[in-house]
C-alpha cells in the first residue's frame, strides 16, 4: 500500500478524499480531503474515534 495515503485498518478501503484546490491547500496543510468520519465527544470536546465510511467500523484516534 502507498504510505502517503490512509487506509481503513479493517477493510483496507482508501480513505483519501477529493483533491483540495491548490489556492486553498495552505488553509488545510494537505492536498486532499479525507473520507474518515470523525466520532465527536461532547464531554471531551474533540474527535475521539474515526469511522470507515465503507465498512462502518471504528478505531481510536492516535
Protein backbone atom coordinates (compact mmCIF):
# COMPACT_ATOMS: atom_id res chain seq x y z
CA UNK A 1 0.00 0.00 0.00
CA UNK A 2 1.05 3.61 -0.63
CA UNK A 3 2.40 5.16 2.62
CA UNK A 4 1.21 8.65 1.64
CA UNK A 5 -2.43 7.51 1.74
CA UNK A 6 -4.57 6.38 4.64
CA UNK A 7 -6.44 3.10 4.59
CA UNK A 8 -9.08 1.60 6.87
CA UNK A 9 -7.36 -0.72 9.35
CA UNK A 10 -10.25 -3.21 8.99
CA UNK A 11 -11.34 -3.39 5.35
CA UNK A 12 -8.38 -1.65 3.67
CA UNK A 13 -10.56 0.98 1.94
CA UNK A 14 -8.70 4.01 0.59
CA UNK A 15 -9.66 6.93 2.87
CA UNK A 16 -8.17 9.68 0.70
CA UNK A 17 -10.85 12.14 -0.29
CA UNK A 18 -11.08 14.52 -3.21
CA UNK A 19 -8.28 16.96 -4.03
CA UNK A 20 -8.32 20.33 -2.29
CA UNK A 21 -7.96 23.22 -4.78
CA UNK A 22 -4.34 24.44 -4.86
CA UNK A 23 -5.26 28.01 -3.93
CA UNK A 24 -6.69 26.93 -0.55
CA UNK A 25 -4.45 23.96 0.34
CA UNK A 26 -2.43 26.19 2.69
CA UNK A 27 -5.51 26.50 4.94
CA UNK A 28 -5.64 22.72 5.39
CA UNK A 29 -1.98 21.72 5.30
CA UNK A 30 -2.97 18.93 2.93
CA UNK A 31 -3.51 18.24 -0.76
CA UNK A 32 -6.59 16.02 -0.34
CA UNK A 33 -9.59 15.75 1.92
CA UNK A 34 -10.34 12.67 3.99
CA UNK A 35 -13.19 10.19 3.82
CA UNK A 36 -12.77 9.26 7.51
CA UNK A 37 -15.76 10.07 9.69
CA UNK A 38 -14.89 11.74 12.98
CA UNK A 39 -16.75 10.48 16.06
CA UNK A 40 -17.09 13.52 18.32
CA UNK A 41 -17.36 13.52 22.12
CA UNK A 42 -19.19 16.50 23.63
CA UNK A 43 -17.73 15.66 27.04
CA UNK A 44 -14.15 15.78 25.72
CA UNK A 45 -14.94 18.43 23.07
CA UNK A 46 -12.90 16.63 20.42
CA UNK A 47 -12.92 13.80 17.91
CA UNK A 48 -12.17 10.63 19.88
CA UNK A 49 -12.55 7.94 17.17
CA UNK A 50 -12.61 7.52 13.42
CA UNK A 51 -15.14 5.52 11.41
CA UNK A 52 -14.73 3.99 7.96
CA UNK A 53 -17.42 5.17 5.53
CA UNK A 54 -17.30 1.80 3.75
CA UNK A 55 -17.37 -0.89 6.47
CA UNK A 56 -18.63 1.25 9.37
CA UNK A 57 -16.01 0.00 11.84
CA UNK A 58 -14.44 2.44 14.31
CA UNK A 59 -10.92 2.82 15.67
CA UNK A 60 -9.27 5.02 18.28
CA UNK A 61 -7.73 8.29 17.24
CA UNK A 62 -3.94 8.23 17.56
